[in-house]
């Protein structure tokens, strides 16, 4: 499958690398490809620049948001919460129309420091905002409740754990579920329509507290029933 991963951070890198290993034709989307490759300094969290990752993954193409989305059959939004809407607007509604969009972003607001708050919650969600802004796109919220490397290699935990999906389009959710299963996820719970994104996004304050308490991001939720 031709897949565009929008975002060059750790989430985007993890998704793009795993998808490429699984045999998909992957393009990473960014605002300015030349500027992205020209950066040599670590990012704000001390991670190596994208150019170093790109050198290790020559099969993954880098393009503008619009070019990446236009050539893709499926799109993954792996941008930050505040960056999601601008990135998708640059990708273009026409380039996203009719396509499945996996939205991994979380509406985290770090303006008052850590831990962050949510800039949308309770009666709305970032997933819903994206679906309203791009009504012809089949948005599925997924993978936003665990750390990047576990998104694509959940078996690293050594035990089964749970992830959630939410979206309006049944066929799109089937496509996403099959992709998640190819990553190794064995327990995928469908929370219903895109309003289910409210619940998964509002899990983030709990996730952040757990990370602080456990001293690691190497964990996931497991729904026992």
Protein backbone atom coordinates (compact mmCIF):
# COMPACT_ATOMS: atom_id res chain seq x y z
CA UNK A 1 0.00 0.00 0.00
CA UNK A 2 1.15 3.56 -0.65
CA UNK A 3 1.15 5.31 2.72
CA UNK A 4 1.93 8.92 3.67
CA UNK A 5 3.09 9.60 7.23
CA UNK A 6 2.70 13.29 8.04
CA UNK A 7 5.25 14.36 10.64
CA UNK A 8 8.99 13.83 11.04
CA UNK A 9 9.14 13.42 14.83
CA UNK A 10 9.65 10.22 16.81
CA UNK A 11 6.09 9.01 16.16
CA UNK A 12 6.35 9.63 12.44
CA UNK A 13 9.75 7.95 12.28
CA UNK A 14 8.55 4.88 14.18
CA UNK A 15 5.49 4.48 11.97
CA UNK A 16 7.35 5.09 8.71
CA UNK A 17 10.13 2.63 9.57
CA UNK A 18 7.75 -0.15 10.58
CA UNK A 19 5.47 0.35 7.59
CA UNK A 20 8.46 0.22 5.27
CA UNK A 21 9.69 -3.03 6.85
CA UNK A 22 6.21 -4.48 6.31
CA UNK A 23 6.54 -3.80 2.59
CA UNK A 24 4.51 -0.61 2.17
CA UNK A 25 5.69 2.25 -0.06
CA UNK A 26 6.13 5.02 2.51
CA UNK A 27 6.48 8.77 2.07
CA UNK A 28 7.04 11.05 5.03
CA UNK A 29 5.43 14.46 4.73
CA UNK A 30 6.89 17.69 6.10
CA UNK A 31 6.37 21.41 5.58
CA UNK A 32 9.71 22.03 3.85
CA UNK A 33 11.68 18.91 2.83
CA UNK A 34 14.91 20.80 2.12
CA UNK A 35 14.82 22.57 5.49
CA UNK A 36 14.02 19.32 7.28
CA UNK A 37 17.02 17.54 5.76
CA UNK A 38 19.28 20.54 6.38
CA UNK A 39 18.81 20.45 10.16
CA UNK A 40 21.81 18.99 11.96
CA UNK A 41 20.97 19.80 15.57
CA UNK A 42 18.98 17.49 17.90
CA UNK A 43 15.32 18.28 18.42
CA UNK A 44 13.87 19.80 21.59
CA UNK A 45 13.98 16.42 23.36
CA UNK A 46 17.56 15.66 22.37
CA UNK A 47 16.68 13.22 19.59
CA UNK A 48 18.91 13.10 16.49
CA UNK A 49 17.81 15.22 13.51
CA UNK A 50 15.55 13.67 10.89
CA UNK A 51 18.41 13.66 8.38
CA UNK A 52 20.21 11.01 10.45
CA UNK A 53 17.10 8.81 10.47
CA UNK A 54 16.57 9.35 6.73
CA UNK A 55 20.10 8.15 5.99
CA UNK A 56 19.31 4.88 7.78
CA UNK A 57 15.99 4.48 5.91
CA UNK A 58 16.75 5.14 2.22
CA UNK A 59 13.57 3.36 1.09
CA UNK A 60 11.39 6.02 2.74
CA UNK A 61 10.79 9.10 0.61
CA UNK A 62 10.53 12.65 2.01
CA UNK A 63 8.11 15.12 0.40
CA UNK A 64 5.92 18.10 1.17
CA UNK A 65 2.66 17.44 3.00
CA UNK A 66 0.74 17.97 -0.24
CA UNK A 67 2.93 15.72 -2.38
CA UNK A 68 2.96 12.98 0.24
CA UNK A 69 -0.83 13.00 0.61
CA UNK A 70 -1.46 13.19 -3.13
CA UNK A 71 0.52 10.02 -3.86
CA UNK A 72 -0.89 8.00 -0.96
CA UNK A 73 -3.72 5.52 -0.63
CA UNK A 74 -3.76 5.91 3.17
CA UNK A 75 -2.52 8.83 5.29
CA UNK A 76 -1.25 8.85 8.87
CA UNK A 77 -1.35 12.08 10.85
CA UNK A 78 1.63 11.79 13.18
CA UNK A 79 1.99 15.50 13.91
CA UNK A 80 1.63 17.23 17.27
CA UNK A 81 -1.79 18.34 18.41
CA UNK A 82 -1.29 22.01 17.57
CA UNK A 83 0.39 21.05 14.31
CA UNK A 84 -2.32 18.68 13.09
CA UNK A 85 -4.71 21.10 11.44
CA UNK A 86 -2.02 23.23 9.73
CA UNK A 87 -0.33 20.11 8.38
CA UNK A 88 -3.58 18.68 7.04
CA UNK A 89 -4.52 22.02 5.51
CA UNK A 90 -1.17 22.03 3.70
CA UNK A 91 -1.75 18.43 2.63
CA UNK A 92 -4.94 19.68 0.97
CA UNK A 93 -8.56 18.59 1.17
CA UNK A 94 -8.52 17.34 -2.42
CA UNK A 95 -5.48 15.16 -1.71
CA UNK A 96 -7.18 13.69 1.38
CA UNK A 97 -10.66 13.23 -0.06
CA UNK A 98 -11.94 9.66 0.02
CA UNK A 99 -8.82 8.38 1.79
CA UNK A 100 -8.45 6.74 5.18
CA UNK A 101 -6.70 9.07 7.61
CA UNK A 102 -5.31 7.54 10.80
CA UNK A 103 -5.16 10.33 13.35
CA UNK A 104 -2.60 9.71 16.12
CA UNK A 105 -2.34 13.31 17.36
CA UNK A 106 -3.25 14.43 20.87
CA UNK A 107 -4.49 17.91 21.87
CA UNK A 108 -1.71 18.55 24.38
CA UNK A 109 -1.11 22.13 25.51
CA UNK A 110 2.32 22.72 27.07
CA UNK A 111 1.91 26.51 27.34
CA UNK A 112 1.84 26.31 31.14
CA UNK A 113 4.58 23.72 31.43
CA UNK A 114 4.42 20.07 32.36
CA UNK A 115 2.16 18.19 32.76
CA UNK A 116 0.24 19.61 29.80
CA UNK A 117 -3.48 20.27 29.68
CA UNK A 118 -5.82 19.45 26.79
CA UNK A 119 -6.86 22.29 24.49
CA UNK A 120 -10.05 20.44 23.53
CA UNK A 121 -11.97 17.92 25.66
CA UNK A 122 -15.28 16.76 27.14
CA UNK A 123 -17.71 17.81 24.41
CA UNK A 124 -15.32 17.70 21.45
CA UNK A 125 -12.01 16.18 20.37
CA UNK A 126 -9.20 16.83 17.96
CA UNK A 127 -10.30 13.79 15.98
CA UNK A 128 -13.77 15.28 15.56
CA UNK A 129 -12.36 18.66 14.59
CA UNK A 130 -10.30 17.01 11.86
CA UNK A 131 -13.30 15.06 10.59
CA UNK A 132 -15.43 18.25 10.46
CA UNK A 133 -12.67 20.16 8.65
CA UNK A 134 -12.23 17.35 6.10
CA UNK A 135 -15.70 15.80 5.69
CA UNK A 136 -14.70 13.79 2.61
CA UNK A 137 -11.83 12.11 4.47
CA UNK A 138 -12.42 8.89 6.43
CA UNK A 139 -10.84 9.72 9.79
CA UNK A 140 -10.02 6.94 12.24
CA UNK A 141 -8.56 7.80 15.64
CA UNK A 142 -6.00 5.22 16.74
CA UNK A 143 -2.65 4.61 18.47
CA UNK A 144 -2.73 7.82 20.52
CA UNK A 145 -2.67 6.08 23.91
CA UNK A 146 0.82 4.56 23.92
CA UNK A 147 4.40 5.54 23.19
CA UNK A 148 5.82 5.51 19.67
CA UNK A 149 7.85 2.31 19.62
CA UNK A 150 5.00 0.32 21.20
CA UNK A 151 2.59 1.61 18.56
CA UNK A 152 4.42 -0.47 15.98
CA UNK A 153 5.96 -3.22 18.15
CA UNK A 154 3.46 -3.96 20.95
CA UNK A 155 4.92 -7.41 21.58
CA UNK A 156 7.93 -5.73 23.19
CA UNK A 157 5.82 -5.61 26.36
CA UNK A 158 5.76 -9.38 26.55
CA UNK A 159 2.01 -9.46 27.20
CA UNK A 160 -1.14 -8.61 25.28
CA UNK A 161 -2.46 -5.08 25.66
CA UNK A 162 -5.28 -2.98 24.27
CA UNK A 163 -5.60 -0.20 21.74
CA UNK A 164 -8.69 1.68 20.62
CA UNK A 165 -10.12 2.94 17.36
CA UNK A 166 -12.97 5.36 16.65
CA UNK A 167 -14.41 6.62 13.38
CA UNK A 168 -17.54 7.06 11.32
CA UNK A 169 -16.63 4.78 8.42
CA UNK A 170 -16.87 1.02 9.06
CA UNK A 171 -14.75 0.04 6.07
CA UNK A 172 -12.05 2.52 7.08
CA UNK A 173 -11.95 1.03 10.58
CA UNK A 174 -11.59 -2.44 9.09
CA UNK A 175 -8.61 -1.25 7.03
CA UNK A 176 -7.01 0.36 10.08
CA UNK A 177 -7.62 -2.70 12.26
CA UNK A 178 -5.89 -4.93 9.72
CA UNK A 179 -2.93 -2.55 9.65
CA UNK A 180 -2.75 -2.52 13.45
CA UNK A 181 -2.87 -6.30 13.52
CA UNK A 182 0.08 -6.37 11.12
CA UNK A 183 2.01 -4.39 13.77
CA UNK A 184 1.20 -7.11 16.30
CA UNK A 185 -1.85 -5.66 18.08
CA UNK A 186 -4.19 -8.48 19.05
CA UNK A 187 -6.79 -6.56 21.09
CA UNK A 188 -8.30 -3.68 19.12
CA UNK A 189 -11.48 -2.24 20.63
CA UNK A 190 -13.83 -0.23 18.40
CA UNK A 191 -15.32 2.64 20.44
CA UNK A 192 -17.84 3.55 17.76
CA UNK A 193 -18.03 6.79 15.81
CA UNK A 194 -15.47 9.58 15.85
CA UNK A 195 -16.86 10.98 19.12
CA UNK A 196 -15.04 8.04 20.72
CA UNK A 197 -11.86 10.07 20.19
CA UNK A 198 -12.91 12.16 23.20
CA UNK A 199 -12.28 9.22 25.49
CA UNK A 200 -8.94 8.17 24.05
CA UNK A 201 -7.63 11.74 23.97
CA UNK A 202 -8.73 12.28 27.57
CA UNK A 203 -6.74 9.20 28.61
CA UNK A 204 -3.58 11.23 28.08
CA UNK A 205 -3.58 12.89 31.54
CA UNK A 206 -3.75 9.41 33.08
CA UNK A 207 -1.03 8.15 30.70
CA UNK A 208 1.25 11.06 31.61
CA UNK A 209 0.76 10.48 35.35
CA UNK A 210 1.54 6.80 34.89
CA UNK A 211 4.71 7.64 32.97
CA UNK A 212 5.83 9.86 35.83
CA UNK A 213 4.94 7.31 38.48
CA UNK A 214 6.47 4.33 36.67
CA UNK A 215 9.49 6.27 35.42
CA UNK A 216 9.05 4.89 31.91
CA UNK A 217 6.82 5.17 28.86
CA UNK A 218 7.16 1.44 28.21
CA UNK A 219 3.64 0.43 29.23
CA UNK A 220 0.13 0.19 27.83
CA UNK A 221 -3.45 -0.26 28.96
CA UNK A 222 -5.05 -3.69 29.00
CA UNK A 223 -8.82 -4.07 29.16
CA UNK A 224 -9.70 -7.27 31.00
CA UNK A 225 -13.18 -8.62 30.35
